[in-house]
C-alpha atoms as a PDB file:
ATOM      1  CA  MET A   1       0.000   0.000   0.000  1.00  0.00           C
ATOM      2  CA  MET A   2       2.853   2.314   0.904  1.00  0.00           C
ATOM      3  CA  LYS A   3       4.494   1.596  -2.471  1.00  0.00           C
ATOM      4  CA  ILE A   4       1.281   2.477  -4.282  1.00  0.00           C
ATOM      5  CA  LYS A   5       1.006   5.793  -2.361  1.00  0.00           C
ATOM      6  CA  ARG A   6       4.612   6.610  -3.213  1.00  0.00           C
ATOM      7  CA  LEU A   7       4.009   5.808  -6.871  1.00  0.00           C
ATOM      8  CA  LEU A   8       0.919   8.013  -6.928  1.00  0.00           C
ATOM      9  CA  GLY A   9       2.974  10.752  -5.301  1.00  0.00           C
ATOM     10  CA  PHE A  10       5.637  10.541  -7.980  1.00  0.00           C
ATOM     11  CA  VAL A  11       2.962  10.635 -10.689  1.00  0.00           C
ATOM     12  CA  ALA A  12       1.409  13.721  -9.097  1.00  0.00           C
ATOM     13  CA  ILE A  13       4.798  15.452  -8.970  1.00  0.00           C
ATOM     14  CA  ALA A  14       5.499  14.511 -12.573  1.00  0.00           C
ATOM     15  CA  VAL A  15       2.118  15.840 -13.730  1.00  0.00           C
ATOM     16  CA  ALA A  16       2.659  19.041 -11.764  1.00  0.00           C
ATOM     17  CA  SER A  17       6.124  19.414 -13.287  1.00  0.00           C
ATOM     18  CA  VAL A  18       4.716  19.042 -16.808  1.00  0.00           C
ATOM     19  CA  GLY A  19       2.091  21.651 -15.963  1.00  0.00           C
ATOM     20  CA  ILE A  20       4.747  24.061 -14.719  1.00  0.00           C
ATOM     21  CA  LEU A  21       6.887  23.540 -17.829  1.00  0.00           C
ATOM     22  CA  ALA A  22       3.877  24.030 -20.055  1.00  0.00           C
ATOM     23  CA  ALA A  23       3.003  27.219 -18.232  1.00  0.00           C
ATOM     24  CA  CYS A  24       6.586  28.443 -18.547  1.00  0.00           C
ATOM     25  CA  GLY A  25       6.563  27.687 -22.260  1.00  0.00           C
ATOM     26  CA  LYS A  26       3.313  29.557 -22.669  1.00  0.00           C
ATOM     27  CA  ASP A  27       4.639  32.557 -20.785  1.00  0.00           C
ATOM     28  CA  ALA A  28       7.863  32.505 -22.799  1.00  0.00           C
ATOM     29  CA  ALA A  29       5.891  32.496 -26.024  1.00  0.00           C
ATOM     30  CA  LYS A  30       3.684  35.244 -24.693  1.00  0.00           C
ATOM     31  CA  ASP A  31       6.730  37.359 -23.810  1.00  0.00           C
ATOM     32  CA  GLN A  32       8.073  37.087 -27.362  1.00  0.00           C
ATOM     33  CA  THR A  33       6.880  40.156 -29.257  1.00  0.00           C
ATOM     34  CA  VAL A  34       6.933  40.084 -33.041  1.00  0.00           C
ATOM     35  CA  VAL A  35       7.564  43.365 -34.853  1.00  0.00           C
ATOM     36  CA  ARG A  36       6.722  43.191 -38.555  1.00  0.00           C
ATOM     37  CA  VAL A  37       9.184  45.180 -40.680  1.00  0.00           C
ATOM     38  CA  GLY A  38       8.736  46.124 -44.323  1.00  0.00           C
ATOM     39  CA  THR A  39      11.811  46.662 -46.500  1.00  0.00           C
ATOM     40  CA  MET A  40      12.760  46.609 -50.142  1.00  0.00           C
ATOM     41  CA  ALA A  41      14.700  43.494 -51.160  1.00  0.00           C
ATOM     42  CA  LYS A  42      17.673  43.771 -48.819  1.00  0.00           C
ATOM     43  CA  SER A  43      21.211  44.297 -50.087  1.00  0.00           C
ATOM     44  CA  GLU A  44      24.085  42.491 -48.348  1.00  0.00           C
ATOM     45  CA  SER A  45      24.803  45.673 -46.402  1.00  0.00           C
ATOM     46  CA  GLU A  46      21.219  46.005 -45.200  1.00  0.00           C
ATOM     47  CA  GLN A  47      21.080  42.316 -44.345  1.00  0.00           C
ATOM     48  CA  ALA A  48      24.224  42.711 -42.225  1.00  0.00           C
ATOM     49  CA  ARG A  49      22.816  45.604 -40.190  1.00  0.00           C
ATOM     50  CA  TRP A  50      19.465  43.896 -39.646  1.00  0.00           C
ATOM     51  CA  ASP A  51      21.218  40.672 -38.605  1.00  0.00           C
ATOM     52  CA  LYS A  52      22.965  42.615 -35.841  1.00  0.00           C
ATOM     53  CA  ILE A  53      19.721  44.351 -34.836  1.00  0.00           C
ATOM     54  CA  GLU A  54      17.977  40.980 -34.591  1.00  0.00           C
ATOM     55  CA  GLU A  55      20.827  39.659 -32.456  1.00  0.00           C
ATOM     56  CA  ILE A  56      20.480  42.597 -30.055  1.00  0.00           C
ATOM     57  CA  LEU A  57      16.695  42.311 -29.888  1.00  0.00           C
ATOM     58  CA  LYS A  58      16.743  38.573 -29.236  1.00  0.00           C
ATOM     59  CA  LYS A  59      17.983  39.356 -25.727  1.00  0.00           C
ATOM     60  CA  GLU A  60      14.966  41.642 -25.317  1.00  0.00           C
ATOM     61  CA  GLY A  61      12.471  38.940 -26.280  1.00  0.00           C
ATOM     62  CA  ILE A  62      11.689  40.611 -29.600  1.00  0.00           C
ATOM     63  CA  THR A  63      11.521  38.847 -32.950  1.00  0.00           C
ATOM     64  CA  LEU A  64      11.546  40.671 -36.277  1.00  0.00           C
ATOM     65  CA  LYS A  65       9.436  39.371 -39.140  1.00  0.00           C
ATOM     66  CA  PHE A  66      10.408  40.839 -42.498  1.00  0.00           C
ATOM     67  CA  SER A  67       8.314  41.475 -45.580  1.00  0.00           C
ATOM     68  CA  GLU A  68      10.501  42.331 -48.563  1.00  0.00           C
ATOM     69  CA  PHE A  69       9.011  44.253 -51.474  1.00  0.00           C
ATOM     70  CA  THR A  70      10.139  44.824 -55.054  1.00  0.00           C
ATOM     71  CA  ASP A  71       8.206  48.027 -55.774  1.00  0.00           C
ATOM     72  CA  TYR A  72       8.691  51.310 -53.911  1.00  0.00           C
ATOM     73  CA  SER A  73       4.929  51.850 -53.607  1.00  0.00           C
ATOM     74  CA  GLN A  74       4.280  48.616 -51.703  1.00  0.00           C
ATOM     75  CA  PRO A  75       5.844  49.129 -48.237  1.00  0.00           C
ATOM     76  CA  ASN A  76       3.734  52.206 -47.454  1.00  0.00           C
ATOM     77  CA  VAL A  77       0.549  50.523 -48.643  1.00  0.00           C
ATOM     78  CA  ALA A  78       1.298  47.572 -46.362  1.00  0.00           C
ATOM     79  CA  LEU A  79       2.050  49.884 -43.429  1.00  0.00           C
ATOM     80  CA  ASN A  80      -1.071  51.969 -43.946  1.00  0.00           C
ATOM     81  CA  ASN A  81      -3.160  48.775 -44.127  1.00  0.00           C
ATOM     82  CA  GLY A  82      -1.632  47.454 -40.893  1.00  0.00           C
ATOM     83  CA  ASP A  83       0.017  44.469 -42.573  1.00  0.00           C
ATOM     84  CA  ILE A  84       3.358  45.552 -41.076  1.00  0.00           C
ATOM     85  CA  ASP A  85       4.259  47.583 -37.969  1.00  0.00           C
ATOM     86  CA  ILE A  86       7.104  49.700 -39.389  1.00  0.00           C
ATOM     87  CA  ASN A  87       8.995  50.040 -42.626  1.00  0.00           C
ATOM     88  CA  ALA A  88      12.574  50.977 -43.472  1.00  0.00           C
ATOM     89  CA  PHE A  89      13.172  52.032 -47.052  1.00  0.00           C
ATOM     90  CA  GLN A  90      12.404  55.725 -47.563  1.00  0.00           C
ATOM     91  CA  HIS A  91      13.647  59.236 -46.830  1.00  0.00           C
ATOM     92  CA  TYR A  92      11.752  62.343 -45.705  1.00  0.00           C
ATOM     93  CA  ASN A  93      11.138  63.536 -49.249  1.00  0.00           C
ATOM     94  CA  PHE A  94       9.582  60.259 -50.375  1.00  0.00           C
ATOM     95  CA  LEU A  95       7.428  60.035 -47.241  1.00  0.00           C
ATOM     96  CA  ASP A  96       6.180  63.624 -47.526  1.00  0.00           C
ATOM     97  CA  ASN A  97       5.242  63.133 -51.164  1.00  0.00           C
ATOM     98  CA  TRP A  98       3.600  59.791 -50.424  1.00  0.00           C
ATOM     99  CA  ASN A  99       1.436  61.221 -47.639  1.00  0.00           C
ATOM    100  CA  SER A 100       0.439  64.161 -49.818  1.00  0.00           C
ATOM    101  CA  ASP A 101      -0.401  62.038 -52.878  1.00  0.00           C
ATOM    102  CA  HIS A 102      -2.240  59.280 -50.979  1.00  0.00           C
ATOM    103  CA  LYS A 103      -3.897  61.296 -48.176  1.00  0.00           C
ATOM    104  CA  THR A 104      -2.140  59.196 -45.532  1.00  0.00           C
ATOM    105  CA  ASP A 105      -0.472  60.247 -42.287  1.00  0.00           C
ATOM    106  CA  LEU A 106       2.432  57.845 -41.877  1.00  0.00           C
ATOM    107  CA  VAL A 107       5.082  59.304 -39.561  1.00  0.00           C
ATOM    108  CA  PRO A 108       8.889  59.140 -39.231  1.00  0.00           C
ATOM    109  CA  ILE A 109       9.927  57.582 -35.922  1.00  0.00           C
ATOM    110  CA  ALA A 110      13.721  57.501 -36.309  1.00  0.00           C
ATOM    111  CA  GLU A 111      16.434  58.723 -38.666  1.00  0.00           C
ATOM    112  CA  THR A 112      18.854  56.043 -39.825  1.00  0.00           C
ATOM    113  CA  TYR A 113      21.353  56.957 -42.531  1.00  0.00           C
ATOM    114  CA  PHE A 114      22.053  59.284 -45.450  1.00  0.00           C
ATOM    115  CA  THR A 115      23.356  58.156 -48.806  1.00  0.00           C
ATOM    116  CA  ALA A 116      24.595  60.707 -51.311  1.00  0.00           C
ATOM    117  CA  PHE A 117      23.435  60.142 -54.890  1.00  0.00           C
ATOM    118  CA  ARG A 118      26.253  59.455 -57.326  1.00  0.00           C
ATOM    119  CA  VAL A 119      26.765  59.652 -61.066  1.00  0.00           C
ATOM    120  CA  TYR A 120      28.606  56.686 -62.592  1.00  0.00           C
ATOM    121  CA  SER A 121      30.340  56.561 -65.931  1.00  0.00           C
ATOM    122  CA  GLY A 122      28.993  54.442 -68.717  1.00  0.00           C
ATOM    123  CA  THR A 123      31.183  51.503 -69.652  1.00  0.00           C
ATOM    124  CA  GLU A 124      32.708  50.182 -72.843  1.00  0.00           C
ATOM    125  CA  GLY A 125      34.442  46.827 -72.963  1.00  0.00           C
ATOM    126  CA  GLY A 126      33.982  46.595 -69.209  1.00  0.00           C
ATOM    127  CA  LYS A 127      35.896  49.829 -68.576  1.00  0.00           C
ATOM    128  CA  ASN A 128      34.616  53.280 -67.585  1.00  0.00           C
ATOM    129  CA  LYS A 129      34.428  55.791 -70.411  1.00  0.00           C
ATOM    130  CA  TYR A 130      35.029  58.806 -68.176  1.00  0.00           C
ATOM    131  CA  LYS A 131      36.766  59.711 -64.928  1.00  0.00           C
ATOM    132  CA  ASP A 132      35.039  63.040 -64.316  1.00  0.00           C
ATOM    133  CA  ILE A 133      31.557  64.354 -65.066  1.00  0.00           C
ATOM    134  CA  LYS A 134      33.147  67.303 -66.918  1.00  0.00           C
ATOM    135  CA  GLU A 135      34.328  64.845 -69.575  1.00  0.00           C
ATOM    136  CA  LEU A 136      30.777  64.023 -70.716  1.00  0.00           C
ATOM    137  CA  PRO A 137      30.492  64.993 -74.405  1.00  0.00           C
ATOM    138  CA  GLU A 138      27.869  67.002 -76.247  1.00  0.00           C
ATOM    139  CA  GLY A 139      24.682  64.944 -76.595  1.00  0.00           C
ATOM    140  CA  ALA A 140      25.732  62.429 -73.942  1.00  0.00           C
ATOM    141  CA  THR A 141      23.040  59.983 -72.805  1.00  0.00           C
ATOM    142  CA  ILE A 142      22.407  59.842 -69.059  1.00  0.00           C
ATOM    143  CA  ALA A 143      20.100  57.259 -67.454  1.00  0.00           C
ATOM    144  CA  ILE A 144      18.132  58.418 -64.405  1.00  0.00           C
ATOM    145  CA  PRO A 145      15.471  56.687 -62.234  1.00  0.00           C
ATOM    146  CA  ASN A 146      11.930  57.258 -63.514  1.00  0.00           C
ATOM    147  CA  ASP A 147      10.009  57.299 -60.210  1.00  0.00           C
ATOM    148  CA  ALA A 148       8.944  60.835 -59.313  1.00  0.00           C
ATOM    149  CA  VAL A 149      11.044  61.356 -56.174  1.00  0.00           C
ATOM    150  CA  ASN A 150      14.304  59.861 -57.415  1.00  0.00           C
ATOM    151  CA  GLU A 151      13.926  61.510 -60.819  1.00  0.00           C
ATOM    152  CA  SER A 152      13.603  64.882 -59.094  1.00  0.00           C
ATOM    153  CA  ARG A 153      16.671  64.196 -56.974  1.00  0.00           C
ATOM    154  CA  ALA A 154      18.628  63.064 -60.038  1.00  0.00           C
ATOM    155  CA  LEU A 155      17.746  66.208 -61.969  1.00  0.00           C
ATOM    156  CA  ASN A 156      18.806  68.379 -59.042  1.00  0.00           C
ATOM    157  CA  LEU A 157      22.055  66.407 -58.937  1.00  0.00           C
ATOM    158  CA  LEU A 158      22.704  67.185 -62.603  1.00  0.00           C
ATOM    159  CA  GLN A 159      21.945  70.822 -61.893  1.00  0.00           C
ATOM    160  CA  SER A 160      24.433  70.900 -58.996  1.00  0.00           C
ATOM    161  CA  ALA A 161      27.035  69.474 -61.411  1.00  0.00           C
ATOM    162  CA  GLY A 162      26.417  72.416 -63.751  1.00  0.00           C
ATOM    163  CA  LEU A 163      25.009  70.294 -66.594  1.00  0.00           C
ATOM    164  CA  ILE A 164      21.433  71.615 -66.623  1.00  0.00           C
ATOM    165  CA  LYS A 165      19.263  74.283 -65.024  1.00  0.00           C
ATOM    166  CA  LEU A 166      15.789  73.734 -63.601  1.00  0.00           C
ATOM    167  CA  SER A 167      12.866  76.129 -63.476  1.00  0.00           C
ATOM    168  CA  VAL A 168      11.749  74.806 -60.057  1.00  0.00           C
ATOM    169  CA  GLY A 169      13.314  74.870 -56.591  1.00  0.00           C
ATOM    170  CA  ALA A 170      15.090  72.007 -54.808  1.00  0.00           C
ATOM    171  CA  ASN A 171      12.019  71.321 -52.640  1.00  0.00           C
ATOM    172  CA  ASP A 172       9.720  71.008 -55.658  1.00  0.00           C
ATOM    173  CA  LYS A 173       9.235  67.780 -57.561  1.00  0.00           C
ATOM    174  CA  ALA A 174      11.313  68.381 -60.682  1.00  0.00           C
ATOM    175  CA  LYS A 175      10.441  66.647 -63.964  1.00  0.00           C
ATOM    176  CA  LEU A 176      12.146  66.536 -67.333  1.00  0.00           C
ATOM    177  CA  THR A 177       9.791  69.272 -68.518  1.00  0.00           C
ATOM    178  CA  ASP A 178      11.285  71.530 -65.826  1.00  0.00           C
ATOM    179  CA  VAL A 179      14.714  71.509 -67.490  1.00  0.00           C
ATOM    180  CA  SER A 180      15.070  75.130 -68.635  1.00  0.00           C
ATOM    181  CA  GLU A 181      18.678  74.957 -69.849  1.00  0.00           C
ATOM    182  CA  ASN A 182      20.594  72.013 -71.305  1.00  0.00           C
ATOM    183  CA  SER A 183      23.750  73.516 -72.802  1.00  0.00           C
ATOM    184  CA  LYS A 184      25.290  70.143 -73.732  1.00  0.00           C
ATOM    185  CA  ASN A 185      22.041  68.862 -75.240  1.00  0.00           C
ATOM    186  CA  LEU A 186      22.132  65.872 -72.937  1.00  0.00           C
ATOM    187  CA  ASN A 187      19.807  62.989 -73.722  1.00  0.00           C
ATOM    188  CA  ILE A 188      18.323  62.259 -70.292  1.00  0.00           C
ATOM    189  CA  ARG A 189      16.801  58.786 -70.405  1.00  0.00           C
ATOM    190  CA  GLU A 190      14.225  57.774 -67.769  1.00  0.00           C
ATOM    191  CA  VAL A 191      14.416  54.094 -66.783  1.00  0.00           C
ATOM    192  CA  ASP A 192      13.151  51.983 -63.917  1.00  0.00           C
ATOM    193  CA  ALA A 193      15.399  52.524 -60.891  1.00  0.00           C
ATOM    194  CA  ALA A 194      16.289  48.824 -60.803  1.00  0.00           C
ATOM    195  CA  GLN A 195      17.467  49.007 -64.442  1.00  0.00           C
ATOM    196  CA  THR A 196      19.816  51.996 -64.200  1.00  0.00           C
ATOM    197  CA  ALA A 197      22.791  49.763 -63.419  1.00  0.00           C
ATOM    198  CA  ALA A 198      21.812  47.348 -66.193  1.00  0.00           C
ATOM    199  CA  ASN A 199      21.955  50.242 -68.679  1.00  0.00           C
ATOM    200  CA  ILE A 200      25.492  51.249 -67.727  1.00  0.00           C
ATOM    201  CA  ASP A 201      27.017  49.770 -70.901  1.00  0.00           C
ATOM    202  CA  SER A 202      24.565  51.535 -73.232  1.00  0.00           C
ATOM    203  CA  VAL A 203      24.791  55.090 -71.855  1.00  0.00           C
ATOM    204  CA  ASP A 204      27.484  57.677 -71.182  1.00  0.00           C
ATOM    205  CA  ALA A 205      26.518  57.971 -67.520  1.00  0.00           C
ATOM    206  CA  ALA A 206      23.886  56.764 -65.063  1.00  0.00           C
ATOM    207  CA  ILE A 207      22.528  57.922 -61.738  1.00  0.00           C
ATOM    208  CA  ILE A 208      22.055  54.683 -59.850  1.00  0.00           C
ATOM    209  CA  ASN A 209      20.061  54.295 -56.640  1.00  0.00           C
ATOM    210  CA  ASN A 210      22.481  53.174 -53.961  1.00  0.00           C
ATOM    211  CA  ASP A 211      20.393  50.042 -53.293  1.00  0.00           C
ATOM    212  CA  PHE A 212      21.469  48.766 -56.701  1.00  0.00           C
ATOM    213  CA  VAL A 213      25.107  49.916 -56.757  1.00  0.00           C
ATOM    214  CA  THR A 214      26.550  47.137 -54.592  1.00  0.00           C
ATOM    215  CA  GLU A 215      24.162  44.573 -56.115  1.00  0.00           C
ATOM    216  CA  ALA A 216      25.597  45.399 -59.543  1.00  0.00           C
ATOM    217  CA  GLY A 217      29.158  45.038 -58.255  1.00  0.00           C
ATOM    218  CA  ILE A 218      29.951  48.694 -58.892  1.00  0.00           C
ATOM    219  CA  ASP A 219      32.607  50.294 -56.709  1.00  0.00           C
ATOM    220  CA  PRO A 220      31.161  53.537 -55.248  1.00  0.00           C
ATOM    221  CA  LYS A 221      34.646  55.052 -55.341  1.00  0.00           C
ATOM    222  CA  THR A 222      34.448  55.075 -59.163  1.00  0.00           C
ATOM    223  CA  ALA A 223      31.609  57.620 -59.184  1.00  0.00           C
ATOM    224  CA  ILE A 224      32.364  60.592 -61.433  1.00  0.00           C
ATOM    225  CA  TYR A 225      30.244  62.951 -59.333  1.00  0.00           C
ATOM    226  CA  VAL A 226      28.887  62.819 -55.770  1.00  0.00           C
ATOM    227  CA  GLU A 227      25.871  64.716 -54.452  1.00  0.00           C
ATOM    228  CA  PRO A 228      27.212  67.646 -52.396  1.00  0.00           C
ATOM    229  CA  ALA A 229      25.985  68.336 -48.870  1.00  0.00           C
ATOM    230  CA  SER A 230      23.599  71.283 -48.694  1.00  0.00           C
ATOM    231  CA  LYS A 231      20.744  72.732 -46.669  1.00  0.00           C
ATOM    232  CA  ASN A 232      18.470  70.361 -48.593  1.00  0.00           C
ATOM    233  CA  THR A 233      20.421  67.234 -47.645  1.00  0.00           C
ATOM    234  CA  LYS A 234      18.234  66.317 -44.676  1.00  0.00           C
ATOM    235  CA  GLN A 235      15.246  65.583 -46.898  1.00  0.00           C
ATOM    236  CA  TRP A 236      17.229  62.560 -48.095  1.00  0.00           C
ATOM    237  CA  TYR A 237      17.805  61.096 -44.605  1.00  0.00           C
ATOM    238  CA  ASN A 238      16.462  57.550 -44.487  1.00  0.00           C
ATOM    239  CA  LEU A 239      13.903  56.652 -41.850  1.00  0.00           C
ATOM    240  CA  LEU A 240      12.021  54.097 -39.844  1.00  0.00           C
ATOM    241  CA  VAL A 241       8.329  54.862 -40.403  1.00  0.00           C
ATOM    242  CA  ALA A 242       5.133  53.841 -38.587  1.00  0.00           C
ATOM    243  CA  GLN A 243       1.433  54.668 -38.488  1.00  0.00           C
ATOM    244  CA  LYS A 244       0.403  57.836 -36.718  1.00  0.00           C
ATOM    245  CA  GLY A 245      -0.357  57.036 -33.072  1.00  0.00           C
ATOM    246  CA  TRP A 246       2.040  54.105 -32.991  1.00  0.00           C
ATOM    247  CA  GLU A 247       3.150  55.069 -29.471  1.00  0.00           C
ATOM    248  CA  LYS A 248      -0.278  54.032 -28.161  1.00  0.00           C
ATOM    249  CA  SER A 249      -0.191  50.621 -29.840  1.00  0.00           C
ATOM    250  CA  ASP A 250       0.561  47.349 -28.071  1.00  0.00           C
ATOM    251  CA  LYS A 251       3.833  47.209 -30.042  1.00  0.00           C
ATOM    252  CA  ALA A 252       5.053  50.621 -28.851  1.00  0.00           C
ATOM    253  CA  ASP A 253       7.637  49.355 -26.341  1.00  0.00           C
ATOM    254  CA  ALA A 254       8.960  46.785 -28.803  1.00  0.00           C
ATOM    255  CA  ILE A 255       9.240  49.359 -31.593  1.00  0.00           C
ATOM    256  CA  LYS A 256      11.147  51.698 -29.270  1.00  0.00           C
ATOM    257  CA  LYS A 257      13.564  48.848 -28.614  1.00  0.00           C
ATOM    258  CA  VAL A 258      13.985  48.336 -32.373  1.00  0.00           C
ATOM    259  CA  ILE A 259      14.967  52.008 -32.663  1.00  0.00           C
ATOM    260  CA  LYS A 260      17.379  51.684 -29.727  1.00  0.00           C
ATOM    261  CA  ALA A 261      18.949  48.573 -31.250  1.00  0.00           C
ATOM    262  CA  TYR A 262      19.355  50.306 -34.622  1.00  0.00           C
ATOM    263  CA  HIS A 263      20.947  53.346 -32.949  1.00  0.00           C
ATOM    264  CA  THR A 264      23.926  51.485 -31.506  1.00  0.00           C
ATOM    265  CA  ASP A 265      27.616  51.897 -32.245  1.00  0.00           C
ATOM    266  CA  GLU A 266      27.707  48.263 -33.340  1.00  0.00           C
ATOM    267  CA  VAL A 267      25.170  48.874 -36.099  1.00  0.00           C
ATOM    268  CA  LYS A 268      26.853  52.172 -37.020  1.00  0.00           C
ATOM    269  CA  GLY A 269      30.125  50.335 -37.626  1.00  0.00           C
ATOM    270  CA  ILE A 270      28.432  47.650 -39.704  1.00  0.00           C
ATOM    271  CA  ILE A 271      26.681  50.250 -41.878  1.00  0.00           C
ATOM    272  CA  LYS A 272      29.912  52.080 -42.679  1.00  0.00           C
ATOM    273  CA  LYS A 273      31.895  48.923 -43.379  1.00  0.00           C
ATOM    274  CA  SER A 274      29.316  46.860 -45.272  1.00  0.00           C
ATOM    275  CA  SER A 275      28.089  49.720 -47.487  1.00  0.00           C
ATOM    276  CA  GLN A 276      31.662  50.562 -48.567  1.00  0.00           C
ATOM    277  CA  GLY A 277      31.096  54.067 -47.267  1.00  0.00           C
ATOM    278  CA  LEU A 278      27.933  54.628 -49.308  1.00  0.00           C
ATOM    279  CA  ASP A 279      25.747  55.015 -46.229  1.00  0.00           C
ATOM    280  CA  GLU A 280      26.479  57.500 -43.453  1.00  0.00           C
ATOM    281  CA  PRO A 281      24.662  56.980 -40.095  1.00  0.00           C
ATOM    282  CA  VAL A 282      22.851  60.171 -39.052  1.00  0.00           C
ATOM    283  CA  TRP A 283      21.794  59.530 -35.467  1.00  0.00           C
END
């Protein structure tokens, strides 16, 4: 009888132990907060910085779930619809124009990095045709991104290089029709941003979004012109963006920890090294 009582006692302890473990597992799962992040298809540099951010956040009980997009219009649609919690792909200028055009009120929650636009020489036989933007000949063909924001930035870049003049200010959305002077009769060719690098062997020069520079194996140091710093530079600071009122959401604390993890010296070092100096942290 005593043996039976002891056996029942051990069974009871075992059952209780399973219950405790189950409860602990449930609590652990409950404590894990998932923050959904929208990005464009990540370059190796971006993957490296997010890997470090994930590593830091793991200690905080936060998991990042990424949605990668191939079209610049998609991450803001997903954020506005609540399919993701934050996104990381745009600068102030893009966000301001998006909100204005789509009657949305998405908000910047943290500044991340600035990347100067660069002009790259066209190639012939795998070699650059030019070493300096001043070498571009009369009637040279230049490929620029065709989306409204990056086209405007590209045109302002050509203006700062002294190649064209625009009839609108730097804060306006410049279009090809706003080119008021083109002394070299440049042929400015609008192409999809993702195809600017692919066109490098069929043009005299190309303004390539920095996302696609490293992907195409282009050395940023070979740029024949770099966007100069100016009072308008801040509009090109890249951002983490969320819905208005995000601080009242149940993800607020977790999102604040994402920002804190991004704004570390560890991530700053990774950005500078992995982007080959293309990206400059701005926090």
